[in-house]
PDB file of N, CA and C in Angstrom:
ATOM      1  N   UNK A   1       7.071  12.531   7.405  1.00  0.00           N
ATOM      2  CA  UNK A   1       8.101  11.509   7.323  1.00  0.00           C
ATOM      3  C   UNK A   1       7.776  10.321   8.231  1.00  0.00           C
ATOM      4  N   UNK A   2       6.845  10.498   9.149  1.00  0.00           N
ATOM      5  CA  UNK A   2       6.509   9.442  10.089  1.00  0.00           C
ATOM      6  C   UNK A   2       5.871   8.231   9.431  1.00  0.00           C
ATOM      7  N   UNK A   3       4.992   8.477   8.442  1.00  0.00           N
ATOM      8  CA  UNK A   3       4.318   7.363   7.774  1.00  0.00           C
ATOM      9  C   UNK A   3       5.299   6.546   6.938  1.00  0.00           C
ATOM     10  N   UNK A   4       6.230   7.227   6.312  1.00  0.00           N
ATOM     11  CA  UNK A   4       7.235   6.515   5.523  1.00  0.00           C
ATOM     12  C   UNK A   4       8.118   5.662   6.425  1.00  0.00           C
ATOM     13  N   UNK A   5       8.420   6.165   7.597  1.00  0.00           N
ATOM     14  CA  UNK A   5       9.252   5.419   8.544  1.00  0.00           C
ATOM     15  C   UNK A   5       8.539   4.145   8.992  1.00  0.00           C
ATOM     16  N   UNK A   6       7.224   4.224   9.177  1.00  0.00           N
ATOM     17  CA  UNK A   6       6.463   3.043   9.589  1.00  0.00           C
ATOM     18  C   UNK A   6       6.512   1.973   8.497  1.00  0.00           C
ATOM     19  N   UNK A   7       6.369   2.395   7.244  1.00  0.00           N
ATOM     20  CA  UNK A   7       6.420   1.443   6.133  1.00  0.00           C
ATOM     21  C   UNK A   7       7.801   0.802   6.029  1.00  0.00           C
ATOM     22  N   UNK A   8       8.853   1.615   6.152  1.00  0.00           N
ATOM     23  CA  UNK A   8      10.207   1.070   6.101  1.00  0.00           C
ATOM     24  C   UNK A   8      10.474   0.125   7.270  1.00  0.00           C
ATOM     25  N   UNK A   9       9.947   0.454   8.434  1.00  0.00           N
ATOM     26  CA  UNK A   9      10.109  -0.409   9.592  1.00  0.00           C
ATOM     27  C   UNK A   9       9.381  -1.730   9.395  1.00  0.00           C
ATOM     28  N   UNK A  10       8.213  -1.685   8.758  1.00  0.00           N
ATOM     29  CA  UNK A  10       7.472  -2.914   8.465  1.00  0.00           C
ATOM     30  C   UNK A  10       8.270  -3.815   7.529  1.00  0.00           C
ATOM     31  N   UNK A  11       8.849  -3.235   6.475  1.00  0.00           N
ATOM     32  CA  UNK A  11       9.643  -4.039   5.550  1.00  0.00           C
ATOM     33  C   UNK A  11      10.901  -4.596   6.228  1.00  0.00           C
ATOM     34  N   UNK A  12      11.498  -3.839   7.118  1.00  0.00           N
ATOM     35  CA  UNK A  12      12.661  -4.331   7.864  1.00  0.00           C
ATOM     36  C   UNK A  12      12.260  -5.499   8.768  1.00  0.00           C
ATOM     37  N   UNK A  13      11.113  -5.391   9.412  1.00  0.00           N
ATOM     38  CA  UNK A  13      10.599  -6.476  10.246  1.00  0.00           C
ATOM     39  C   UNK A  13      10.381  -7.740   9.422  1.00  0.00           C
ATOM     40  N   UNK A  14       9.768  -7.577   8.247  1.00  0.00           N
ATOM     41  CA  UNK A  14       9.518  -8.742   7.392  1.00  0.00           C
ATOM     42  C   UNK A  14      10.825  -9.376   6.937  1.00  0.00           C
ATOM     43  N   UNK A  15      11.834  -8.553   6.680  1.00  0.00           N
ATOM     44  CA  UNK A  15      13.124  -9.075   6.235  1.00  0.00           C
ATOM     45  C   UNK A  15      13.832  -9.832   7.360  1.00  0.00           C
ATOM     46  N   UNK A  16      13.800  -9.282   8.566  1.00  0.00           N
ATOM     47  CA  UNK A  16      14.477  -9.918   9.701  1.00  0.00           C
ATOM     48  C   UNK A  16      13.785 -11.216  10.082  1.00  0.00           C
ATOM     49  N   UNK A  17      12.452 -11.213  10.083  1.00  0.00           N
ATOM     50  CA  UNK A  17      11.693 -12.407  10.473  1.00  0.00           C
ATOM     51  C   UNK A  17      11.537 -13.411   9.336  1.00  0.00           C
ATOM     52  N   UNK A  18      12.090 -13.091   8.184  1.00  0.00           N
ATOM     53  CA  UNK A  18      12.058 -13.955   6.996  1.00  0.00           C
ATOM     54  C   UNK A  18      10.625 -14.318   6.584  1.00  0.00           C
ATOM     55  N   UNK A  19       9.775 -13.315   6.565  1.00  0.00           N
ATOM     56  CA  UNK A  19       8.393 -13.478   6.115  1.00  0.00           C
ATOM     57  C   UNK A  19       8.294 -13.023   4.664  1.00  0.00           C
ATOM     58  N   UNK A  20       9.040 -13.676   3.789  1.00  0.00           N
ATOM     59  CA  UNK A  20       9.125 -13.271   2.381  1.00  0.00           C
ATOM     60  C   UNK A  20       7.780 -13.334   1.681  1.00  0.00           C
ATOM     61  N   UNK A  21       6.918 -14.249   2.090  1.00  0.00           N
ATOM     62  CA  UNK A  21       5.637 -14.416   1.418  1.00  0.00           C
ATOM     63  C   UNK A  21       4.695 -13.245   1.681  1.00  0.00           C
ATOM     64  N   UNK A  22       4.970 -12.425   2.698  1.00  0.00           N
ATOM     65  CA  UNK A  22       4.118 -11.279   2.985  1.00  0.00           C
ATOM     66  C   UNK A  22       4.452 -10.050   2.141  1.00  0.00           C
ATOM     67  N   UNK A  23       5.644 -10.015   1.538  1.00  0.00           N
ATOM     68  CA  UNK A  23       6.037  -8.850   0.743  1.00  0.00           C
ATOM     69  C   UNK A  23       5.056  -8.530  -0.382  1.00  0.00           C
ATOM     70  N   UNK A  24       4.637  -9.504  -1.201  1.00  0.00           N
ATOM     71  CA  UNK A  24       3.692  -9.158  -2.276  1.00  0.00           C
ATOM     72  C   UNK A  24       2.345  -8.661  -1.749  1.00  0.00           C
ATOM     73  N   UNK A  25       1.886  -9.213  -0.642  1.00  0.00           N
ATOM     74  CA  UNK A  25       0.607  -8.787  -0.074  1.00  0.00           C
ATOM     75  C   UNK A  25       0.696  -7.351   0.416  1.00  0.00           C
ATOM     76  N   UNK A  26       1.734  -7.036   1.168  1.00  0.00           N
ATOM     77  CA  UNK A  26       1.910  -5.684   1.702  1.00  0.00           C
ATOM     78  C   UNK A  26       2.102  -4.688   0.564  1.00  0.00           C
ATOM     79  N   UNK A  27       2.906  -5.052  -0.424  1.00  0.00           N
ATOM     80  CA  UNK A  27       3.143  -4.169  -1.565  1.00  0.00           C
ATOM     81  C   UNK A  27       1.850  -3.875  -2.309  1.00  0.00           C
ATOM     82  N   UNK A  28       1.031  -4.895  -2.521  1.00  0.00           N
ATOM     83  CA  UNK A  28      -0.236  -4.725  -3.230  1.00  0.00           C
ATOM     84  C   UNK A  28      -1.194  -3.833  -2.439  1.00  0.00           C
ATOM     85  N   UNK A  29      -1.249  -4.010  -1.122  1.00  0.00           N
ATOM     86  CA  UNK A  29      -2.121  -3.182  -0.292  1.00  0.00           C
ATOM     87  C   UNK A  29      -1.677  -1.725  -0.292  1.00  0.00           C
ATOM     88  N   UNK A  30      -0.374  -1.488  -0.241  1.00  0.00           N
ATOM     89  CA  UNK A  30       0.140  -0.123  -0.290  1.00  0.00           C
ATOM     90  C   UNK A  30      -0.171   0.501  -1.648  1.00  0.00           C
ATOM     91  N   UNK A  31      -0.017  -0.259  -2.713  1.00  0.00           N
ATOM     92  CA  UNK A  31      -0.317   0.240  -4.050  1.00  0.00           C
ATOM     93  C   UNK A  31      -1.796   0.593  -4.204  1.00  0.00           C
ATOM     94  N   UNK A  32      -2.684  -0.256  -3.721  1.00  0.00           N
ATOM     95  CA  UNK A  32      -4.113   0.035  -3.798  1.00  0.00           C
ATOM     96  C   UNK A  32      -4.481   1.254  -2.953  1.00  0.00           C
ATOM     97  N   UNK A  33      -3.892   1.355  -1.772  1.00  0.00           N
ATOM     98  CA  UNK A  33      -4.154   2.511  -0.921  1.00  0.00           C
ATOM     99  C   UNK A  33      -3.707   3.803  -1.577  1.00  0.00           C
ATOM    100  N   UNK A  34      -2.528   3.784  -2.189  1.00  0.00           N
ATOM    101  CA  UNK A  34      -2.026   4.975  -2.880  1.00  0.00           C
ATOM    102  C   UNK A  34      -2.919   5.326  -4.072  1.00  0.00           C
ATOM    103  N   UNK A  35      -3.388   4.321  -4.786  1.00  0.00           N
ATOM    104  CA  UNK A  35      -4.267   4.567  -5.924  1.00  0.00           C
ATOM    105  C   UNK A  35      -5.562   5.234  -5.485  1.00  0.00           C
ATOM    106  N   UNK A  36      -6.132   4.773  -4.413  1.00  0.00           N
ATOM    107  CA  UNK A  36      -7.382   5.351  -3.924  1.00  0.00           C
ATOM    108  C   UNK A  36      -7.166   6.774  -3.429  1.00  0.00           C
ATOM    109  N   UNK A  37      -6.076   7.012  -2.714  1.00  0.00           N
ATOM    110  CA  UNK A  37      -5.802   8.355  -2.192  1.00  0.00           C
ATOM    111  C   UNK A  37      -5.512   9.336  -3.323  1.00  0.00           C
ATOM    112  N   UNK A  38      -4.728   8.921  -4.303  1.00  0.00           N
ATOM    113  CA  UNK A  38      -4.338   9.834  -5.379  1.00  0.00           C
ATOM    114  C   UNK A  38      -5.487  10.170  -6.324  1.00  0.00           C
ATOM    115  N   UNK A  39      -6.456   9.283  -6.465  1.00  0.00           N
ATOM    116  CA  UNK A  39      -7.561   9.545  -7.384  1.00  0.00           C
ATOM    117  C   UNK A  39      -8.821   9.987  -6.658  1.00  0.00           C
ATOM    118  N   UNK A  40      -8.693  10.343  -5.416  1.00  0.00           N
ATOM    119  CA  UNK A  40      -9.853  10.702  -4.597  1.00  0.00           C
ATOM    120  C   UNK A  40     -10.636  11.877  -5.177  1.00  0.00           C
ATOM    121  N   UNK A  41      -9.965  12.896  -5.645  1.00  0.00           N
ATOM    122  CA  UNK A  41     -10.673  14.072  -6.128  1.00  0.00           C
ATOM    123  C   UNK A  41     -10.777  14.145  -7.633  1.00  0.00           C
ATOM    124  N   UNK A  42     -10.437  13.109  -8.319  1.00  0.00           N
ATOM    125  CA  UNK A  42     -10.445  13.183  -9.776  1.00  0.00           C
ATOM    126  C   UNK A  42     -11.722  12.575 -10.360  1.00  0.00           C
ATOM    127  N   UNK A  43     -11.838  12.678 -11.656  1.00  0.00           N
ATOM    128  CA  UNK A  43     -12.998  12.121 -12.346  1.00  0.00           C
ATOM    129  C   UNK A  43     -12.914  10.597 -12.443  1.00  0.00           C
ATOM    130  N   UNK A  44     -11.756  10.024 -12.151  1.00  0.00           N
ATOM    131  CA  UNK A  44     -11.597   8.569 -12.208  1.00  0.00           C
ATOM    132  C   UNK A  44     -12.117   7.868 -10.964  1.00  0.00           C
ATOM    133  N   UNK A  45     -12.377   8.612  -9.903  1.00  0.00           N
ATOM    134  CA  UNK A  45     -12.773   8.014  -8.632  1.00  0.00           C
ATOM    135  C   UNK A  45     -13.979   7.080  -8.752  1.00  0.00           C
ATOM    136  N   UNK A  46     -15.066   7.456  -9.423  1.00  0.00           N
ATOM    137  CA  UNK A  46     -16.208   6.526  -9.497  1.00  0.00           C
ATOM    138  C   UNK A  46     -15.862   5.207 -10.189  1.00  0.00           C
ATOM    139  N   UNK A  47     -14.979   5.239 -11.148  1.00  0.00           N
ATOM    140  CA  UNK A  47     -14.603   4.013 -11.855  1.00  0.00           C
ATOM    141  C   UNK A  47     -13.741   3.111 -10.992  1.00  0.00           C
ATOM    142  N   UNK A  48     -12.850   3.718 -10.220  1.00  0.00           N
ATOM    143  CA  UNK A  48     -11.987   2.906  -9.351  1.00  0.00           C
ATOM    144  C   UNK A  48     -12.805   2.308  -8.224  1.00  0.00           C
ATOM    145  N   UNK A  49     -13.720   3.056  -7.629  1.00  0.00           N
ATOM    146  CA  UNK A  49     -14.544   2.529  -6.554  1.00  0.00           C
ATOM    147  C   UNK A  49     -15.474   1.439  -7.083  1.00  0.00           C
ATOM    148  N   UNK A  50     -15.851   1.505  -8.326  1.00  0.00           N
ATOM    149  CA  UNK A  50     -16.721   0.480  -8.894  1.00  0.00           C
ATOM    150  C   UNK A  50     -15.997  -0.852  -9.052  1.00  0.00           C
ATOM    151  N   UNK A  51     -14.678  -0.810  -9.186  1.00  0.00           N
ATOM    152  CA  UNK A  51     -13.896  -2.054  -9.304  1.00  0.00           C
ATOM    153  C   UNK A  51     -14.000  -2.867  -8.035  1.00  0.00           C
ATOM    154  N   UNK A  52     -14.029  -2.196  -6.888  1.00  0.00           N
ATOM    155  CA  UNK A  52     -14.044  -2.891  -5.613  1.00  0.00           C
ATOM    156  C   UNK A  52     -15.453  -3.050  -5.102  1.00  0.00           C
TER     157      UNK A  52
END
């Protein structure tokens, strides 16, 4: 639960500091990180790593 709390705290910080332009960047980075972690052991891994 600690990692989720850090992400929620980051979004709260961005909301309080009115850094709205950072939301899409952070969201995209979290999405890419989740994609890499979830496909790490699958047959799709070589194709995803080839994209980057």
